[in-house]
Amino acid sequence: MNWHWRFVMSSQPDSSDRSSGENSAQTLENLVAEIKHTVEAGDFQIAERLREKLIETYPMAISEAIGSAEMIETAMTAALDREHLELWSDLYDQLTDEERNCLYHSLQKYNLPEKRMLLKYGSLNNRLFFLEQGTVTVAVPQGKNKYQVLAQLGRGDVLGEYSFATIALCSATAVAKSPVQIRCLEGRIAESWEEKHPGLYDKILAFCQKYGRIDRISARQEQEQHNHPRYPMQGRVKATLLDKNGRPTKVLFNGDMEEISRSGTSFSIHCNQRSTVKKLLTRSFDLSFSCSTVGRELTFSTVGRVVRVSFLLYNDYLLHIGFHTYLPEDLEKQLSA
């Protein structure tokens, strides 16, 4: 566990602590006792907040700060579900002890009945599910009230990794085929780890991209469903964010083109705030393109909607855009030349 406190010189309370008298000393003792009580109750997040309060209130009480940190860490390790760790050993084996404790104790456990929907095609999702018991059917809509089943997920599978590891709408619907037991990681919690556990979130993203079954299935489905050929393209894009009424805002991104088709495009942007990029999902942009084909400069404009965002290196992202209307056929011929 990472231990943080202000500048200290000694492991003993200083004169200012002592000057507050016996009541102050008793307060420190009570705070330590309260930490112990919450640890024994399994309330590790509350225990950690109390330890931070101890450090803030008694910055010279180093031995109590260290002792409470060790007490919390030891109890968190003892409370780990070894069967759960074994199910996802490919993930947990690459984590440090502190990272393992952080991830496991950030998960919320749920028991859900048959036919409960976990994910809905085309909707927002920022949760990662670990399926411990039961079966979940994953399908995509095929016309009115019809679905094509992509997979049956069971014990040891993860669900929601596509929209969790990218920034995307759900690529499929997931419904419990039987009563299920799951553990769920909220994206907002994972994003809060950066200070205390830098790199942990990235390890989970890498695991999702490597082992997630639905991510691979969805990618294959997406490839099969493209109605128009896509062309690699070098050029620039000026993307102006539109408000909900379709009017231009002052938010502007300059991007580098990756590829284009009659129905959509993808281009990279730089943004320092991941939270800002997440808000772009489903938003519409006025797009102005400038690219070269066979030594000829092409410029054109259209409107598109963000359907997915992929992570690149550092603060670079790849926006995947679906055009509101197809590009003209004659323009496609020029782009493919």
C-alpha atoms as a PDB file:
ATOM      1  CA  MET A   1       0.000   0.000   0.000  1.00  0.00           C
ATOM      2  CA  ASN A   2       1.255   3.467  -0.810  1.00  0.00           C
ATOM      3  CA  TRP A   3       1.827   5.537   2.324  1.00  0.00           C
ATOM      4  CA  HIS A   4       1.495   9.312   1.999  1.00  0.00           C
ATOM      5  CA  TRP A   5       1.930  11.937   4.677  1.00  0.00           C
ATOM      6  CA  ARG A   6       3.316  15.405   5.019  1.00  0.00           C
ATOM      7  CA  PHE A   7       6.906  16.293   5.922  1.00  0.00           C
ATOM      8  CA  VAL A   8       7.953  14.393   9.050  1.00  0.00           C
ATOM      9  CA  MET A   9      11.051  14.342  11.244  1.00  0.00           C
ATOM     10  CA  SER A  10      10.253  11.776  13.902  1.00  0.00           C
ATOM     11  CA  SER A  11       8.058   8.762  14.581  1.00  0.00           C
ATOM     12  CA  GLN A  12       6.877  10.355  17.836  1.00  0.00           C
ATOM     13  CA  PRO A  13       4.176  13.017  18.206  1.00  0.00           C
ATOM     14  CA  ASP A  14       5.742  16.482  18.525  1.00  0.00           C
ATOM     15  CA  SER A  15       5.199  19.009  21.302  1.00  0.00           C
ATOM     16  CA  SER A  16       2.177  20.530  19.580  1.00  0.00           C
ATOM     17  CA  ASP A  17       0.473  17.128  19.737  1.00  0.00           C
ATOM     18  CA  ARG A  18       1.410  16.673  23.386  1.00  0.00           C
ATOM     19  CA  SER A  19       0.324  20.211  24.299  1.00  0.00           C
ATOM     20  CA  SER A  20      -3.277  19.348  23.457  1.00  0.00           C
ATOM     21  CA  GLY A  21      -3.209  17.065  26.465  1.00  0.00           C
ATOM     22  CA  GLU A  22      -4.651  13.753  27.364  1.00  0.00           C
ATOM     23  CA  ASN A  23      -7.860  14.229  25.353  1.00  0.00           C
ATOM     24  CA  SER A  24      -5.862  14.616  22.119  1.00  0.00           C
ATOM     25  CA  ALA A  25      -3.828  11.475  22.867  1.00  0.00           C
ATOM     26  CA  GLN A  26      -7.067   9.627  23.513  1.00  0.00           C
ATOM     27  CA  THR A  27      -8.416  10.875  20.159  1.00  0.00           C
ATOM     28  CA  LEU A  28      -5.439   9.347  18.348  1.00  0.00           C
ATOM     29  CA  GLU A  29      -5.960   6.125  20.254  1.00  0.00           C
ATOM     30  CA  ASN A  30      -9.647   6.129  19.365  1.00  0.00           C
ATOM     31  CA  LEU A  31      -8.854   6.766  15.704  1.00  0.00           C
ATOM     32  CA  VAL A  32      -6.506   3.776  15.603  1.00  0.00           C
ATOM     33  CA  ALA A  33      -9.167   1.673  17.336  1.00  0.00           C
ATOM     34  CA  GLU A  34     -11.755   2.789  14.810  1.00  0.00           C
ATOM     35  CA  ILE A  35      -9.466   1.768  11.943  1.00  0.00           C
ATOM     36  CA  LYS A  36      -9.036  -1.642  13.547  1.00  0.00           C
ATOM     37  CA  HIS A  37     -12.791  -2.004  13.971  1.00  0.00           C
ATOM     38  CA  THR A  38     -13.551  -1.165  10.305  1.00  0.00           C
ATOM     39  CA  VAL A  39     -10.810  -3.530   9.121  1.00  0.00           C
ATOM     40  CA  GLU A  40     -12.277  -6.362  11.182  1.00  0.00           C
ATOM     41  CA  ALA A  41     -15.684  -5.560   9.650  1.00  0.00           C
ATOM     42  CA  GLY A  42     -14.189  -5.753   6.154  1.00  0.00           C
ATOM     43  CA  ASP A  43     -14.823  -2.061   5.402  1.00  0.00           C
ATOM     44  CA  PHE A  44     -11.423  -1.498   3.831  1.00  0.00           C
ATOM     45  CA  GLN A  45     -12.256   1.678   1.934  1.00  0.00           C
ATOM     46  CA  ILE A  46     -13.553   3.316   5.106  1.00  0.00           C
ATOM     47  CA  ALA A  47     -10.493   2.075   6.974  1.00  0.00           C
ATOM     48  CA  GLU A  48      -8.230   3.669   4.381  1.00  0.00           C
ATOM     49  CA  ARG A  49     -10.087   6.979   4.636  1.00  0.00           C
ATOM     50  CA  LEU A  50      -9.696   6.875   8.415  1.00  0.00           C
ATOM     51  CA  ARG A  51      -5.971   6.185   8.022  1.00  0.00           C
ATOM     52  CA  GLU A  52      -5.687   9.233   5.751  1.00  0.00           C
ATOM     53  CA  LYS A  53      -7.495  11.254   8.422  1.00  0.00           C
ATOM     54  CA  LEU A  54      -4.987   9.977  10.984  1.00  0.00           C
ATOM     55  CA  ILE A  55      -2.072  11.101   8.821  1.00  0.00           C
ATOM     56  CA  GLU A  56      -3.670  14.516   8.241  1.00  0.00           C
ATOM     57  CA  THR A  57      -4.491  15.075  11.917  1.00  0.00           C
ATOM     58  CA  TYR A  58      -1.337  13.557  13.429  1.00  0.00           C
ATOM     59  CA  PRO A  59       1.455  13.920  10.855  1.00  0.00           C
ATOM     60  CA  MET A  60       4.087  12.902  13.430  1.00  0.00           C
ATOM     61  CA  ALA A  61       2.351   9.644  14.362  1.00  0.00           C
ATOM     62  CA  ILE A  62       4.373   7.621  11.868  1.00  0.00           C
ATOM     63  CA  SER A  63       4.313   4.334  13.740  1.00  0.00           C
ATOM     64  CA  GLU A  64       0.496   4.441  13.893  1.00  0.00           C
ATOM     65  CA  ALA A  65       0.298   5.325  10.183  1.00  0.00           C
ATOM     66  CA  ILE A  66       2.591   2.455   9.197  1.00  0.00           C
ATOM     67  CA  GLY A  67       0.926   0.024  11.565  1.00  0.00           C
ATOM     68  CA  SER A  68      -2.565   0.815  10.304  1.00  0.00           C
ATOM     69  CA  ALA A  69      -1.418   0.528   6.677  1.00  0.00           C
ATOM     70  CA  GLU A  70       0.068  -2.904   7.338  1.00  0.00           C
ATOM     71  CA  MET A  71      -3.077  -3.952   9.206  1.00  0.00           C
ATOM     72  CA  ILE A  72      -5.309  -2.928   6.296  1.00  0.00           C
ATOM     73  CA  GLU A  73      -3.093  -4.585   3.680  1.00  0.00           C
ATOM     74  CA  THR A  74      -2.840  -7.844   5.636  1.00  0.00           C
ATOM     75  CA  ALA A  75      -6.591  -8.026   6.144  1.00  0.00           C
ATOM     76  CA  MET A  76      -7.283  -7.270   2.471  1.00  0.00           C
ATOM     77  CA  THR A  77      -4.966 -10.088   1.404  1.00  0.00           C
ATOM     78  CA  ALA A  78      -6.588 -12.520   3.850  1.00  0.00           C
ATOM     79  CA  ALA A  79     -10.039 -11.653   2.491  1.00  0.00           C
ATOM     80  CA  LEU A  80      -9.195 -12.490  -1.132  1.00  0.00           C
ATOM     81  CA  ASP A  81     -11.313 -15.201  -2.753  1.00  0.00           C
ATOM     82  CA  ARG A  82      -8.665 -17.653  -3.969  1.00  0.00           C
ATOM     83  CA  GLU A  83     -11.128 -19.370  -6.301  1.00  0.00           C
ATOM     84  CA  HIS A  84     -11.838 -16.025  -8.002  1.00  0.00           C
ATOM     85  CA  LEU A  85      -8.119 -15.332  -8.363  1.00  0.00           C
ATOM     86  CA  GLU A  86      -7.579 -18.728  -9.944  1.00  0.00           C
ATOM     87  CA  LEU A  87     -10.387 -18.193 -12.458  1.00  0.00           C
ATOM     88  CA  TRP A  88      -8.660 -15.061 -13.765  1.00  0.00           C
ATOM     89  CA  SER A  89      -5.058 -15.996 -13.028  1.00  0.00           C
ATOM     90  CA  ASP A  90      -3.947 -14.537 -16.390  1.00  0.00           C
ATOM     91  CA  LEU A  91      -4.890 -11.142 -14.976  1.00  0.00           C
ATOM     92  CA  TYR A  92      -4.057 -11.428 -11.279  1.00  0.00           C
ATOM     93  CA  ASP A  93      -0.695 -13.164 -11.758  1.00  0.00           C
ATOM     94  CA  GLN A  94       0.715 -10.080 -13.492  1.00  0.00           C
ATOM     95  CA  LEU A  95      -0.320  -7.733 -10.655  1.00  0.00           C
ATOM     96  CA  THR A  96       1.586  -6.753  -7.528  1.00  0.00           C
ATOM     97  CA  ASP A  97       0.121  -7.657  -4.137  1.00  0.00           C
ATOM     98  CA  GLU A  98      -1.147  -4.099  -3.695  1.00  0.00           C
ATOM     99  CA  GLU A  99      -2.666  -3.999  -7.192  1.00  0.00           C
ATOM    100  CA  ARG A 100      -4.331  -7.369  -6.666  1.00  0.00           C
ATOM    101  CA  ASN A 101      -5.899  -6.197  -3.407  1.00  0.00           C
ATOM    102  CA  CYS A 102      -7.020  -2.938  -4.979  1.00  0.00           C
ATOM    103  CA  LEU A 103      -8.695  -4.618  -7.965  1.00  0.00           C
ATOM    104  CA  TYR A 104     -10.399  -7.413  -6.054  1.00  0.00           C
ATOM    105  CA  HIS A 105     -11.783  -5.167  -3.316  1.00  0.00           C
ATOM    106  CA  SER A 106     -13.034  -2.657  -5.892  1.00  0.00           C
ATOM    107  CA  LEU A 107     -15.354  -5.287  -7.383  1.00  0.00           C
ATOM    108  CA  GLN A 108     -19.044  -5.369  -6.475  1.00  0.00           C
ATOM    109  CA  LYS A 109     -20.686  -8.790  -6.234  1.00  0.00           C
ATOM    110  CA  TYR A 110     -24.174  -9.385  -7.690  1.00  0.00           C
ATOM    111  CA  ASN A 111     -26.518 -12.345  -7.989  1.00  0.00           C
ATOM    112  CA  LEU A 112     -28.874 -11.817 -10.930  1.00  0.00           C
ATOM    113  CA  PRO A 113     -31.937 -13.812 -12.022  1.00  0.00           C
ATOM    114  CA  GLU A 114     -32.496 -15.499 -15.365  1.00  0.00           C
ATOM    115  CA  LYS A 115     -33.377 -13.137 -18.260  1.00  0.00           C
ATOM    116  CA  ARG A 116     -31.792 -10.102 -16.594  1.00  0.00           C
ATOM    117  CA  MET A 117     -30.176  -7.863 -19.234  1.00  0.00           C
ATOM    118  CA  LEU A 118     -26.581  -6.907 -18.465  1.00  0.00           C
ATOM    119  CA  LEU A 119     -25.764  -5.045 -21.669  1.00  0.00           C
ATOM    120  CA  LYS A 120     -27.911  -3.552 -24.411  1.00  0.00           C
ATOM    121  CA  TYR A 121     -26.727  -3.233 -28.004  1.00  0.00           C
ATOM    122  CA  GLY A 122     -25.940   0.380 -28.923  1.00  0.00           C
ATOM    123  CA  SER A 123     -26.143   1.717 -25.356  1.00  0.00           C
ATOM    124  CA  LEU A 124     -23.463   3.177 -23.125  1.00  0.00           C
ATOM    125  CA  ASN A 125     -21.540   0.945 -20.745  1.00  0.00           C
ATOM    126  CA  ASN A 126     -18.587   1.609 -18.468  1.00  0.00           C
ATOM    127  CA  ARG A 127     -18.532  -1.625 -16.492  1.00  0.00           C
ATOM    128  CA  LEU A 128     -16.451  -4.786 -16.691  1.00  0.00           C
ATOM    129  CA  PHE A 129     -18.118  -8.028 -15.550  1.00  0.00           C
ATOM    130  CA  PHE A 130     -16.366 -11.127 -14.208  1.00  0.00           C
ATOM    131  CA  LEU A 131     -18.718 -14.108 -14.605  1.00  0.00           C
ATOM    132  CA  GLU A 132     -18.304 -16.504 -11.668  1.00  0.00           C
ATOM    133  CA  GLN A 133     -21.401 -18.687 -12.051  1.00  0.00           C
ATOM    134  CA  GLY A 134     -24.143 -19.189 -14.629  1.00  0.00           C
ATOM    135  CA  THR A 135     -24.474 -18.592 -18.360  1.00  0.00           C
ATOM    136  CA  VAL A 136     -24.932 -15.366 -20.327  1.00  0.00           C
ATOM    137  CA  THR A 137     -26.151 -15.221 -23.935  1.00  0.00           C
ATOM    138  CA  VAL A 138     -24.536 -12.577 -26.133  1.00  0.00           C
ATOM    139  CA  ALA A 139     -26.356 -11.569 -29.333  1.00  0.00           C
ATOM    140  CA  VAL A 140     -26.738  -8.776 -31.878  1.00  0.00           C
ATOM    141  CA  PRO A 141     -30.058  -7.591 -33.366  1.00  0.00           C
ATOM    142  CA  GLN A 142     -30.999  -8.902 -36.805  1.00  0.00           C
ATOM    143  CA  GLY A 143     -34.121  -7.036 -37.814  1.00  0.00           C
ATOM    144  CA  LYS A 144     -37.221  -6.491 -35.737  1.00  0.00           C
ATOM    145  CA  ASN A 145     -37.325  -8.687 -32.609  1.00  0.00           C
ATOM    146  CA  LYS A 146     -34.700 -11.048 -34.040  1.00  0.00           C
ATOM    147  CA  TYR A 147     -31.194 -11.699 -32.741  1.00  0.00           C
ATOM    148  CA  GLN A 148     -28.123 -13.553 -33.904  1.00  0.00           C
ATOM    149  CA  VAL A 149     -26.373 -15.336 -31.033  1.00  0.00           C
ATOM    150  CA  LEU A 150     -22.652 -14.626 -30.965  1.00  0.00           C
ATOM    151  CA  ALA A 151     -21.591 -16.576 -27.900  1.00  0.00           C
ATOM    152  CA  GLN A 152     -22.606 -18.290 -24.686  1.00  0.00           C
ATOM    153  CA  LEU A 153     -20.387 -17.051 -21.874  1.00  0.00           C
ATOM    154  CA  GLY A 154     -19.848 -18.988 -18.666  1.00  0.00           C
ATOM    155  CA  ARG A 155     -17.701 -19.302 -15.588  1.00  0.00           C
ATOM    156  CA  GLY A 156     -14.329 -17.608 -16.008  1.00  0.00           C
ATOM    157  CA  ASP A 157     -15.356 -15.285 -18.850  1.00  0.00           C
ATOM    158  CA  VAL A 158     -15.388 -11.488 -18.828  1.00  0.00           C
ATOM    159  CA  LEU A 159     -18.176  -9.379 -20.273  1.00  0.00           C
ATOM    160  CA  GLY A 160     -18.350  -5.725 -21.276  1.00  0.00           C
ATOM    161  CA  GLU A 161     -14.666  -5.577 -22.172  1.00  0.00           C
ATOM    162  CA  TYR A 162     -15.352  -4.105 -25.615  1.00  0.00           C
ATOM    163  CA  SER A 163     -16.968  -0.911 -24.324  1.00  0.00           C
ATOM    164  CA  PHE A 164     -14.773  -0.867 -21.190  1.00  0.00           C
ATOM    165  CA  ALA A 165     -11.399  -1.144 -22.923  1.00  0.00           C
ATOM    166  CA  THR A 166     -12.308   1.182 -25.775  1.00  0.00           C
ATOM    167  CA  ILE A 167     -14.714   4.092 -25.551  1.00  0.00           C
ATOM    168  CA  ALA A 168     -17.617   2.640 -27.442  1.00  0.00           C
ATOM    169  CA  LEU A 169     -21.276   1.807 -27.434  1.00  0.00           C
ATOM    170  CA  CYS A 170     -22.150  -1.776 -26.564  1.00  0.00           C
ATOM    171  CA  SER A 171     -21.457  -3.999 -29.548  1.00  0.00           C
ATOM    172  CA  ALA A 172     -23.956  -6.652 -28.427  1.00  0.00           C
ATOM    173  CA  THR A 173     -26.789  -7.412 -26.037  1.00  0.00           C
ATOM    174  CA  ALA A 174     -26.070  -9.691 -23.081  1.00  0.00           C
ATOM    175  CA  VAL A 175     -28.836 -11.486 -21.172  1.00  0.00           C
ATOM    176  CA  ALA A 176     -28.578 -13.983 -18.321  1.00  0.00           C
ATOM    177  CA  LYS A 177     -29.581 -17.414 -19.643  1.00  0.00           C
ATOM    178  CA  SER A 178     -29.603 -18.771 -16.095  1.00  0.00           C
ATOM    179  CA  PRO A 179     -29.187 -17.240 -12.633  1.00  0.00           C
ATOM    180  CA  VAL A 180     -25.694 -15.719 -12.601  1.00  0.00           C
ATOM    181  CA  GLN A 181     -23.157 -14.561 -10.054  1.00  0.00           C
ATOM    182  CA  ILE A 182     -20.891 -11.777 -11.234  1.00  0.00           C
ATOM    183  CA  ARG A 183     -18.407  -9.262  -9.920  1.00  0.00           C
ATOM    184  CA  CYS A 184     -18.469  -5.845 -11.515  1.00  0.00           C
ATOM    185  CA  LEU A 185     -15.790  -3.167 -11.878  1.00  0.00           C
ATOM    186  CA  GLU A 186     -17.058   0.390 -12.450  1.00  0.00           C
ATOM    187  CA  GLY A 187     -15.008   2.428 -14.901  1.00  0.00           C
ATOM    188  CA  ARG A 188     -15.094   5.529 -12.697  1.00  0.00           C
ATOM    189  CA  ILE A 189     -13.479   3.546  -9.882  1.00  0.00           C
ATOM    190  CA  ALA A 190     -10.757   2.179 -12.141  1.00  0.00           C
ATOM    191  CA  GLU A 191      -9.983   5.665 -13.403  1.00  0.00           C
ATOM    192  CA  SER A 192      -9.459   6.892  -9.823  1.00  0.00           C
ATOM    193  CA  TRP A 193      -6.477   4.577  -9.261  1.00  0.00           C
ATOM    194  CA  GLU A 194      -3.908   6.657 -11.130  1.00  0.00           C
ATOM    195  CA  GLU A 195      -2.296   8.280  -8.078  1.00  0.00           C
ATOM    196  CA  LYS A 196      -2.091   5.283  -5.758  1.00  0.00           C
ATOM    197  CA  HIS A 197      -1.776   2.515  -8.342  1.00  0.00           C
ATOM    198  CA  PRO A 198      -0.389   3.943 -11.592  1.00  0.00           C
ATOM    199  CA  GLY A 199      -0.404   1.378 -14.362  1.00  0.00           C
ATOM    200  CA  LEU A 200      -3.090  -0.889 -12.881  1.00  0.00           C
ATOM    201  CA  TYR A 201      -5.836   0.436 -15.154  1.00  0.00           C
ATOM    202  CA  ASP A 202      -3.619  -0.062 -18.209  1.00  0.00           C
ATOM    203  CA  LYS A 203      -2.944  -3.679 -17.170  1.00  0.00           C
ATOM    204  CA  ILE A 204      -6.679  -4.344 -17.047  1.00  0.00           C
ATOM    205  CA  LEU A 205      -7.183  -2.735 -20.449  1.00  0.00           C
ATOM    206  CA  ALA A 206      -4.401  -4.904 -21.911  1.00  0.00           C
ATOM    207  CA  PHE A 207      -6.026  -8.005 -20.387  1.00  0.00           C
ATOM    208  CA  CYS A 208      -9.406  -7.086 -21.911  1.00  0.00           C
ATOM    209  CA  GLN A 209      -7.905  -6.598 -25.346  1.00  0.00           C
ATOM    210  CA  LYS A 210      -5.967  -9.876 -25.189  1.00  0.00           C
ATOM    211  CA  TYR A 211      -8.472 -12.239 -23.586  1.00  0.00           C
ATOM    212  CA  GLY A 212     -11.909 -10.724 -24.213  1.00  0.00           C
ATOM    213  CA  ARG A 213     -13.936 -13.052 -26.457  1.00  0.00           C
ATOM    214  CA  ILE A 214     -16.634 -10.564 -27.425  1.00  0.00           C
ATOM    215  CA  ASP A 215     -14.080  -7.983 -28.501  1.00  0.00           C
ATOM    216  CA  ARG A 216     -12.695 -10.433 -31.076  1.00  0.00           C
ATOM    217  CA  ILE A 217     -16.164 -11.599 -32.146  1.00  0.00           C
ATOM    218  CA  SER A 218     -17.383  -8.015 -32.528  1.00  0.00           C
ATOM    219  CA  ALA A 219     -14.340  -7.046 -34.561  1.00  0.00           C
ATOM    220  CA  ARG A 220     -15.014  -9.933 -36.946  1.00  0.00           C
ATOM    221  CA  GLN A 221     -18.698  -9.025 -37.158  1.00  0.00           C
ATOM    222  CA  GLU A 222     -17.813  -5.394 -37.851  1.00  0.00           C
ATOM    223  CA  GLN A 223     -15.468  -6.462 -40.635  1.00  0.00           C
ATOM    224  CA  GLU A 224     -18.148  -8.646 -42.193  1.00  0.00           C
ATOM    225  CA  GLN A 225     -20.832  -5.955 -41.978  1.00  0.00           C
ATOM    226  CA  HIS A 226     -18.949  -3.200 -43.815  1.00  0.00           C
ATOM    227  CA  ASN A 227     -21.020  -2.425 -46.902  1.00  0.00           C
ATOM    228  CA  HIS A 228     -18.416  -0.166 -48.447  1.00  0.00           C
ATOM    229  CA  PRO A 229     -14.689  -0.738 -48.942  1.00  0.00           C
ATOM    230  CA  ARG A 230     -12.364   1.269 -46.704  1.00  0.00           C
ATOM    231  CA  TYR A 231      -9.298   3.039 -48.058  1.00  0.00           C
ATOM    232  CA  PRO A 232      -6.157   3.973 -46.118  1.00  0.00           C
ATOM    233  CA  MET A 233      -5.767   7.720 -46.372  1.00  0.00           C
ATOM    234  CA  GLN A 234      -3.291  10.407 -45.386  1.00  0.00           C
ATOM    235  CA  GLY A 235      -4.713  13.846 -44.809  1.00  0.00           C
ATOM    236  CA  ARG A 236      -6.049  16.292 -42.280  1.00  0.00           C
ATOM    237  CA  VAL A 237      -9.452  16.641 -40.663  1.00  0.00           C
ATOM    238  CA  LYS A 238     -10.914  19.686 -38.943  1.00  0.00           C
ATOM    239  CA  ALA A 239     -13.691  18.439 -36.664  1.00  0.00           C
ATOM    240  CA  THR A 240     -16.067  20.996 -35.163  1.00  0.00           C
ATOM    241  CA  LEU A 241     -18.325  19.693 -32.402  1.00  0.00           C
ATOM    242  CA  LEU A 242     -22.039  20.264 -32.968  1.00  0.00           C
ATOM    243  CA  ASP A 243     -24.525  20.900 -30.186  1.00  0.00           C
ATOM    244  CA  LYS A 244     -27.696  18.865 -29.758  1.00  0.00           C
ATOM    245  CA  ASN A 245     -29.478  21.113 -32.236  1.00  0.00           C
ATOM    246  CA  GLY A 246     -26.801  20.602 -34.903  1.00  0.00           C
ATOM    247  CA  ARG A 247     -25.229  24.043 -34.465  1.00  0.00           C
ATOM    248  CA  PRO A 248     -21.416  24.463 -34.456  1.00  0.00           C
ATOM    249  CA  THR A 249     -19.774  24.996 -31.066  1.00  0.00           C
ATOM    250  CA  LYS A 250     -16.367  26.456 -30.254  1.00  0.00           C
ATOM    251  CA  VAL A 251     -14.905  22.982 -29.603  1.00  0.00           C
ATOM    252  CA  LEU A 252     -12.515  22.053 -32.406  1.00  0.00           C
ATOM    253  CA  PHE A 253     -10.175  19.108 -33.002  1.00  0.00           C
ATOM    254  CA  ASN A 254      -7.530  18.790 -35.699  1.00  0.00           C
ATOM    255  CA  GLY A 255      -6.864  15.197 -36.668  1.00  0.00           C
ATOM    256  CA  ASP A 256      -4.814  12.976 -38.959  1.00  0.00           C
ATOM    257  CA  MET A 257      -6.773  10.655 -41.252  1.00  0.00           C
ATOM    258  CA  GLU A 258      -6.305   6.892 -41.003  1.00  0.00           C
ATOM    259  CA  GLU A 259      -8.918   5.534 -43.407  1.00  0.00           C
ATOM    260  CA  ILE A 260     -12.202   6.438 -45.081  1.00  0.00           C
ATOM    261  CA  SER A 261     -15.186   4.845 -46.840  1.00  0.00           C
ATOM    262  CA  ARG A 262     -18.505   6.100 -48.152  1.00  0.00           C
ATOM    263  CA  SER A 263     -20.089   5.402 -44.760  1.00  0.00           C
ATOM    264  CA  GLY A 264     -17.441   6.568 -42.305  1.00  0.00           C
ATOM    265  CA  THR A 265     -13.884   7.439 -41.396  1.00  0.00           C
ATOM    266  CA  SER A 266     -11.338   7.249 -38.594  1.00  0.00           C
ATOM    267  CA  PHE A 267      -8.774   9.833 -37.587  1.00  0.00           C
ATOM    268  CA  SER A 268      -6.432  10.428 -34.668  1.00  0.00           C
ATOM    269  CA  ILE A 269      -6.588  13.363 -32.272  1.00  0.00           C
ATOM    270  CA  HIS A 270      -4.558  14.530 -29.284  1.00  0.00           C
ATOM    271  CA  CYS A 271      -6.329  15.307 -26.011  1.00  0.00           C
ATOM    272  CA  ASN A 272      -4.872  15.623 -22.506  1.00  0.00           C
ATOM    273  CA  GLN A 273      -8.086  14.673 -20.729  1.00  0.00           C
ATOM    274  CA  ARG A 274      -9.475  11.163 -21.159  1.00  0.00           C
ATOM    275  CA  SER A 275     -12.719  12.297 -19.521  1.00  0.00           C
ATOM    276  CA  THR A 276     -13.158  14.824 -22.335  1.00  0.00           C
ATOM    277  CA  VAL A 277     -12.681  12.162 -24.994  1.00  0.00           C
ATOM    278  CA  LYS A 278     -15.243   9.892 -23.311  1.00  0.00           C
ATOM    279  CA  LYS A 279     -17.847  12.637 -23.634  1.00  0.00           C
ATOM    280  CA  LEU A 280     -17.394  12.649 -27.419  1.00  0.00           C
ATOM    281  CA  LEU A 281     -19.047   9.249 -27.799  1.00  0.00           C
ATOM    282  CA  THR A 282     -22.336   9.593 -29.767  1.00  0.00           C
ATOM    283  CA  ARG A 283     -21.660  13.309 -30.432  1.00  0.00           C
ATOM    284  CA  SER A 284     -21.843  14.730 -33.958  1.00  0.00           C
ATOM    285  CA  PHE A 285     -19.162  16.757 -35.751  1.00  0.00           C
ATOM    286  CA  ASP A 286     -18.953  18.931 -38.819  1.00  0.00           C
ATOM    287  CA  LEU A 287     -15.972  17.424 -40.665  1.00  0.00           C
ATOM    288  CA  SER A 288     -13.746  19.212 -43.189  1.00  0.00           C
ATOM    289  CA  PHE A 289     -11.276  16.947 -45.006  1.00  0.00           C
ATOM    290  CA  SER A 290      -8.104  17.756 -46.911  1.00  0.00           C
ATOM    291  CA  CYS A 291      -6.223  14.845 -48.500  1.00  0.00           C
ATOM    292  CA  SER A 292      -4.163  13.931 -51.558  1.00  0.00           C
ATOM    293  CA  THR A 293      -4.706  11.099 -54.048  1.00  0.00           C
ATOM    294  CA  VAL A 294      -2.413  10.513 -57.018  1.00  0.00           C
ATOM    295  CA  GLY A 295      -0.903  13.960 -56.557  1.00  0.00           C
ATOM    296  CA  ARG A 296      -4.304  15.614 -56.513  1.00  0.00           C
ATOM    297  CA  GLU A 297      -5.658  17.606 -53.580  1.00  0.00           C
ATOM    298  CA  LEU A 298      -9.194  16.781 -52.438  1.00  0.00           C
ATOM    299  CA  THR A 299     -11.251  18.883 -50.047  1.00  0.00           C
ATOM    300  CA  PHE A 300     -14.774  18.044 -48.950  1.00  0.00           C
ATOM    301  CA  SER A 301     -17.072  18.285 -45.939  1.00  0.00           C
ATOM    302  CA  THR A 302     -19.739  16.171 -44.280  1.00  0.00           C
ATOM    303  CA  VAL A 303     -21.294  15.479 -40.876  1.00  0.00           C
ATOM    304  CA  GLY A 304     -20.628  12.375 -38.794  1.00  0.00           C
ATOM    305  CA  ARG A 305     -21.208  10.820 -35.373  1.00  0.00           C
ATOM    306  CA  VAL A 306     -18.610   9.262 -33.043  1.00  0.00           C
ATOM    307  CA  VAL A 307     -19.392   5.555 -32.691  1.00  0.00           C
ATOM    308  CA  ARG A 308     -16.173   4.409 -31.024  1.00  0.00           C
ATOM    309  CA  VAL A 309     -12.887   5.715 -29.634  1.00  0.00           C
ATOM    310  CA  SER A 310      -9.684   3.644 -29.525  1.00  0.00           C
ATOM    311  CA  PHE A 311      -6.678   4.287 -27.314  1.00  0.00           C
ATOM    312  CA  LEU A 312      -3.353   5.057 -28.941  1.00  0.00           C
ATOM    313  CA  LEU A 313      -0.098   6.012 -27.206  1.00  0.00           C
ATOM    314  CA  TYR A 314      -0.008   8.577 -24.436  1.00  0.00           C
ATOM    315  CA  ASN A 315      -2.815  11.135 -24.969  1.00  0.00           C
ATOM    316  CA  ASP A 316      -3.613  10.206 -28.558  1.00  0.00           C
ATOM    317  CA  TYR A 317      -6.959   8.677 -29.530  1.00  0.00           C
ATOM    318  CA  LEU A 318      -8.530   7.312 -32.708  1.00  0.00           C
ATOM    319  CA  LEU A 319     -12.067   8.531 -33.383  1.00  0.00           C
ATOM    320  CA  HIS A 320     -14.291   6.202 -35.421  1.00  0.00           C
ATOM    321  CA  ILE A 321     -16.989   8.158 -37.244  1.00  0.00           C
ATOM    322  CA  GLY A 322     -20.177   7.081 -38.986  1.00  0.00           C
ATOM    323  CA  PHE A 323     -21.337   9.596 -41.586  1.00  0.00           C
ATOM    324  CA  HIS A 324     -24.930  10.821 -41.374  1.00  0.00           C
ATOM    325  CA  THR A 325     -25.241  10.298 -45.152  1.00  0.00           C
ATOM    326  CA  TYR A 326     -23.060   8.316 -47.548  1.00  0.00           C
ATOM    327  CA  LEU A 327     -20.400  10.138 -49.531  1.00  0.00           C
ATOM    328  CA  PRO A 328     -21.188  10.493 -53.272  1.00  0.00           C
ATOM    329  CA  GLU A 329     -20.003   7.651 -55.526  1.00  0.00           C
ATOM    330  CA  ASP A 330     -17.885   9.962 -57.659  1.00  0.00           C
ATOM    331  CA  LEU A 331     -16.034  11.148 -54.545  1.00  0.00           C
ATOM    332  CA  GLU A 332     -15.409   7.529 -53.538  1.00  0.00           C
ATOM    333  CA  LYS A 333     -13.831   6.878 -56.938  1.00  0.00           C
ATOM    334  CA  GLN A 334     -11.445   9.796 -56.400  1.00  0.00           C
ATOM    335  CA  LEU A 335     -10.571   8.608 -52.884  1.00  0.00           C
ATOM    336  CA  SER A 336      -9.839   5.089 -54.123  1.00  0.00           C
ATOM    337  CA  ALA A 337      -7.616   6.238 -56.981  1.00  0.00           C
END
